[in-house]
Amino acid sequence: MRFVPIAVAAVLDLVCIGAFVAVGRASHEEASSIAGFLGTAWPFAAGLIAGWLAARAWRAPMRAVWTGVIVWAVTVPVGLALRAFLTSDGAPWSFAIVTTVFLGAAMVGWRELARPFTMGRGKSADRADGRTGENGEEDPAS
């Protein structure tokens, strides 16, 4: 059962990136091809992997404050850097601002919206491994 919150969180984070890419491409009237979508999304998907690793998101995938903020704070700059240096699209300031706001609201926001549904299951509901630190709180260093 521990795999379920991890998988749900990972999929929801990917959905955030997918929504960002879809809305952006539609607002700029870009072609709706799969190749175009993936070409825009891959830098941020790679950033998401880096964010999950930096946050060790599998430990508390539903937590907004530590996990969501760290995942977002790593995903955006890594995704923007990859886009700027490894694609022909670049990353102008206006795009960076929209990316930061949209992904921040989405990646931290879904976790905050899910909190009432995960709180009632006890302190270990946040953590995929069911462990807690001293005094029942998550140990951010673990």
C-alpha atoms as a PDB file:
ATOM      1  CA  MET A   1       0.000   0.000   0.000  1.00  0.00           C
ATOM      2  CA  ARG A   2       2.916   2.363   0.471  1.00  0.00           C
ATOM      3  CA  PHE A   3       3.394   2.533  -3.284  1.00  0.00           C
ATOM      4  CA  VAL A   4      -0.043   4.090  -3.883  1.00  0.00           C
ATOM      5  CA  PRO A   5       0.588   7.613  -2.445  1.00  0.00           C
ATOM      6  CA  ILE A   6       3.969   7.720  -4.181  1.00  0.00           C
ATOM      7  CA  ALA A   7       2.462   6.770  -7.545  1.00  0.00           C
ATOM      8  CA  VAL A   8      -0.467   9.169  -7.118  1.00  0.00           C
ATOM      9  CA  ALA A   9       1.853  12.050  -6.219  1.00  0.00           C
ATOM     10  CA  ALA A  10       4.188  11.330  -9.125  1.00  0.00           C
ATOM     11  CA  VAL A  11       1.303  11.154 -11.587  1.00  0.00           C
ATOM     12  CA  LEU A  12      -0.247  14.370 -10.238  1.00  0.00           C
ATOM     13  CA  ASP A  13       3.080  16.187 -10.544  1.00  0.00           C
ATOM     14  CA  LEU A  14       3.356  14.973 -14.145  1.00  0.00           C
ATOM     15  CA  VAL A  15      -0.226  16.118 -14.753  1.00  0.00           C
ATOM     16  CA  CYS A  16       0.789  19.578 -13.501  1.00  0.00           C
ATOM     17  CA  ILE A  17       3.590  19.683 -16.065  1.00  0.00           C
ATOM     18  CA  GLY A  18       1.275  18.334 -18.763  1.00  0.00           C
ATOM     19  CA  ALA A  19      -1.361  20.966 -17.997  1.00  0.00           C
ATOM     20  CA  PHE A  20       1.283  23.699 -18.048  1.00  0.00           C
ATOM     21  CA  VAL A  21       2.573  22.560 -21.428  1.00  0.00           C
ATOM     22  CA  ALA A  22      -0.898  22.079 -22.917  1.00  0.00           C
ATOM     23  CA  VAL A  23      -2.159  25.485 -21.780  1.00  0.00           C
ATOM     24  CA  GLY A  24       1.024  27.197 -22.937  1.00  0.00           C
ATOM     25  CA  ARG A  25       1.040  25.561 -26.346  1.00  0.00           C
ATOM     26  CA  ALA A  26      -2.657  26.296 -26.848  1.00  0.00           C
ATOM     27  CA  SER A  27      -2.290  29.942 -25.822  1.00  0.00           C
ATOM     28  CA  HIS A  28       0.484  30.380 -28.372  1.00  0.00           C
ATOM     29  CA  GLU A  29      -1.470  28.482 -31.034  1.00  0.00           C
ATOM     30  CA  GLU A  30       1.314  25.941 -31.467  1.00  0.00           C
ATOM     31  CA  ALA A  31       0.677  22.658 -33.216  1.00  0.00           C
ATOM     32  CA  SER A  32      -0.982  20.035 -31.057  1.00  0.00           C
ATOM     33  CA  SER A  33       1.344  17.220 -32.075  1.00  0.00           C
ATOM     34  CA  ILE A  34       2.618  14.668 -29.582  1.00  0.00           C
ATOM     35  CA  ALA A  35       6.197  15.434 -30.642  1.00  0.00           C
ATOM     36  CA  GLY A  36       5.692  19.141 -29.956  1.00  0.00           C
ATOM     37  CA  PHE A  37       4.099  18.434 -26.584  1.00  0.00           C
ATOM     38  CA  LEU A  38       6.914  16.096 -25.550  1.00  0.00           C
ATOM     39  CA  GLY A  39       9.525  18.505 -26.877  1.00  0.00           C
ATOM     40  CA  THR A  40       8.180  21.198 -24.589  1.00  0.00           C
ATOM     41  CA  ALA A  41       7.552  18.918 -21.610  1.00  0.00           C
ATOM     42  CA  TRP A  42      10.783  16.898 -21.391  1.00  0.00           C
ATOM     43  CA  PRO A  43      12.959  19.557 -19.709  1.00  0.00           C
ATOM     44  CA  PHE A  44      10.398  19.962 -16.950  1.00  0.00           C
ATOM     45  CA  ALA A  45       9.874  16.208 -16.597  1.00  0.00           C
ATOM     46  CA  ALA A  46      13.646  15.885 -16.142  1.00  0.00           C
ATOM     47  CA  GLY A  47      13.489  18.727 -13.622  1.00  0.00           C
ATOM     48  CA  LEU A  48      10.697  16.894 -11.838  1.00  0.00           C
ATOM     49  CA  ILE A  49      12.897  13.821 -11.459  1.00  0.00           C
ATOM     50  CA  ALA A  50      15.639  16.026 -10.016  1.00  0.00           C
ATOM     51  CA  GLY A  51      13.091  17.645  -7.703  1.00  0.00           C
ATOM     52  CA  TRP A  52      11.816  14.296  -6.451  1.00  0.00           C
ATOM     53  CA  LEU A  53      15.373  13.167  -5.784  1.00  0.00           C
ATOM     54  CA  ALA A  54      16.318  16.420  -4.015  1.00  0.00           C
ATOM     55  CA  ALA A  55      13.189  16.333  -1.840  1.00  0.00           C
ATOM     56  CA  ARG A  56      13.277  12.557  -1.395  1.00  0.00           C
ATOM     57  CA  ALA A  57       9.618  12.912  -2.229  1.00  0.00           C
ATOM     58  CA  TRP A  58       8.887   9.201  -1.870  1.00  0.00           C
ATOM     59  CA  ARG A  59       9.223   9.645   1.927  1.00  0.00           C
ATOM     60  CA  ALA A  60       6.303  12.091   2.255  1.00  0.00           C
ATOM     61  CA  PRO A  61       4.833  12.502  -1.231  1.00  0.00           C
ATOM     62  CA  MET A  62       1.652  14.278  -0.123  1.00  0.00           C
ATOM     63  CA  ARG A  63       3.282  16.899   2.117  1.00  0.00           C
ATOM     64  CA  ALA A  64       2.953  20.405   0.659  1.00  0.00           C
ATOM     65  CA  VAL A  65       5.427  22.313   2.801  1.00  0.00           C
ATOM     66  CA  TRP A  66       8.568  20.230   2.538  1.00  0.00           C
ATOM     67  CA  THR A  67       7.969  17.938  -0.391  1.00  0.00           C
ATOM     68  CA  GLY A  68       5.847  20.135  -2.649  1.00  0.00           C
ATOM     69  CA  VAL A  69       7.926  23.261  -2.214  1.00  0.00           C
ATOM     70  CA  ILE A  70      11.254  21.484  -2.724  1.00  0.00           C
ATOM     71  CA  VAL A  71       9.999  19.549  -5.746  1.00  0.00           C
ATOM     72  CA  TRP A  72       8.730  22.799  -7.274  1.00  0.00           C
ATOM     73  CA  ALA A  73      11.849  24.792  -6.327  1.00  0.00           C
ATOM     74  CA  VAL A  74      14.077  22.274  -8.111  1.00  0.00           C
ATOM     75  CA  THR A  75      11.796  21.396 -11.046  1.00  0.00           C
ATOM     76  CA  VAL A  76      11.475  24.961 -12.297  1.00  0.00           C
ATOM     77  CA  PRO A  77      15.141  26.040 -12.494  1.00  0.00           C
ATOM     78  CA  VAL A  78      16.304  22.664 -13.788  1.00  0.00           C
ATOM     79  CA  GLY A  79      13.543  22.625 -16.413  1.00  0.00           C
ATOM     80  CA  LEU A  80      14.247  26.206 -17.435  1.00  0.00           C
ATOM     81  CA  ALA A  81      17.998  25.573 -17.673  1.00  0.00           C
ATOM     82  CA  LEU A  82      17.507  22.461 -19.785  1.00  0.00           C
ATOM     83  CA  ARG A  83      15.061  24.296 -22.024  1.00  0.00           C
ATOM     84  CA  ALA A  84      17.402  27.283 -22.403  1.00  0.00           C
ATOM     85  CA  PHE A  85      20.566  25.325 -23.115  1.00  0.00           C
ATOM     86  CA  LEU A  86      19.387  22.142 -24.810  1.00  0.00           C
ATOM     87  CA  THR A  87      16.470  23.268 -26.950  1.00  0.00           C
ATOM     88  CA  SER A  88      15.986  25.962 -29.536  1.00  0.00           C
ATOM     89  CA  ASP A  89      13.055  27.431 -27.584  1.00  0.00           C
ATOM     90  CA  GLY A  90      15.024  29.366 -24.970  1.00  0.00           C
ATOM     91  CA  ALA A  91      13.618  30.598 -21.668  1.00  0.00           C
ATOM     92  CA  PRO A  92      12.846  34.340 -21.679  1.00  0.00           C
ATOM     93  CA  TRP A  93      12.055  36.047 -18.371  1.00  0.00           C
ATOM     94  CA  SER A  94       8.336  36.213 -19.089  1.00  0.00           C
ATOM     95  CA  PHE A  95       8.273  32.456 -19.673  1.00  0.00           C
ATOM     96  CA  ALA A  96      10.294  31.851 -16.493  1.00  0.00           C
ATOM     97  CA  ILE A  97       7.842  33.906 -14.420  1.00  0.00           C
ATOM     98  CA  VAL A  98       4.780  32.149 -15.833  1.00  0.00           C
ATOM     99  CA  THR A  99       6.460  28.761 -15.347  1.00  0.00           C
ATOM    100  CA  THR A 100       7.346  29.536 -11.739  1.00  0.00           C
ATOM    101  CA  VAL A 101       3.875  30.761 -10.817  1.00  0.00           C
ATOM    102  CA  PHE A 102       1.914  28.077 -12.673  1.00  0.00           C
ATOM    103  CA  LEU A 103       3.976  25.106 -11.490  1.00  0.00           C
ATOM    104  CA  GLY A 104       4.208  26.481  -7.944  1.00  0.00           C
ATOM    105  CA  ALA A 105       0.455  26.884  -7.698  1.00  0.00           C
ATOM    106  CA  ALA A 106      -0.153  23.486  -9.260  1.00  0.00           C
ATOM    107  CA  MET A 107       2.508  21.337  -7.535  1.00  0.00           C
ATOM    108  CA  VAL A 108       2.097  22.798  -4.060  1.00  0.00           C
ATOM    109  CA  GLY A 109      -1.599  23.496  -4.569  1.00  0.00           C
ATOM    110  CA  TRP A 110      -2.742  19.937  -5.268  1.00  0.00           C
ATOM    111  CA  ARG A 111      -0.945  18.780  -2.117  1.00  0.00           C
ATOM    112  CA  GLU A 112      -2.685  21.456  -0.038  1.00  0.00           C
ATOM    113  CA  LEU A 113      -6.042  20.531  -1.543  1.00  0.00           C
ATOM    114  CA  ALA A 114      -5.381  16.858  -0.738  1.00  0.00           C
ATOM    115  CA  ARG A 115      -4.426  17.560   2.886  1.00  0.00           C
ATOM    116  CA  PRO A 116      -7.936  17.243   4.373  1.00  0.00           C
ATOM    117  CA  PHE A 117      -8.239  13.821   2.738  1.00  0.00           C
ATOM    118  CA  THR A 118      -4.918  12.541   4.093  1.00  0.00           C
ATOM    119  CA  MET A 119      -4.939  14.067   7.591  1.00  0.00           C
ATOM    120  CA  GLY A 120      -7.564  11.750   9.044  1.00  0.00           C
ATOM    121  CA  ARG A 121      -5.445   8.657   8.475  1.00  0.00           C
ATOM    122  CA  GLY A 122      -2.984   9.535  11.252  1.00  0.00           C
ATOM    123  CA  LYS A 123       0.434  11.129  11.322  1.00  0.00           C
ATOM    124  CA  SER A 124       1.941   8.430   9.137  1.00  0.00           C
ATOM    125  CA  ALA A 125      -0.490   9.131   6.279  1.00  0.00           C
ATOM    126  CA  ASP A 126       1.853  11.762   4.899  1.00  0.00           C
ATOM    127  CA  ARG A 127       4.783   9.394   4.758  1.00  0.00           C
ATOM    128  CA  ALA A 128       4.880   6.547   2.315  1.00  0.00           C
ATOM    129  CA  ASP A 129       6.983   4.438   4.696  1.00  0.00           C
ATOM    130  CA  GLY A 130       4.725   5.087   7.706  1.00  0.00           C
ATOM    131  CA  ARG A 131       7.630   6.340   9.850  1.00  0.00           C
ATOM    132  CA  THR A 132       7.766   9.577  11.772  1.00  0.00           C
ATOM    133  CA  GLY A 133      10.554  11.387  13.574  1.00  0.00           C
ATOM    134  CA  GLU A 134      10.665  12.495  17.211  1.00  0.00           C
ATOM    135  CA  ASN A 135       7.368  13.575  18.748  1.00  0.00           C
ATOM    136  CA  GLY A 136       5.459  12.168  15.769  1.00  0.00           C
ATOM    137  CA  GLU A 137       6.815  14.821  13.392  1.00  0.00           C
ATOM    138  CA  GLU A 138       8.620  14.118  10.155  1.00  0.00           C
ATOM    139  CA  ASP A 139      12.373  14.345  10.482  1.00  0.00           C
ATOM    140  CA  PRO A 140      13.401  16.462   7.451  1.00  0.00           C
ATOM    141  CA  ALA A 141      16.939  15.104   7.749  1.00  0.00           C
ATOM    142  CA  SER A 142      15.874  11.477   7.334  1.00  0.00           C
END
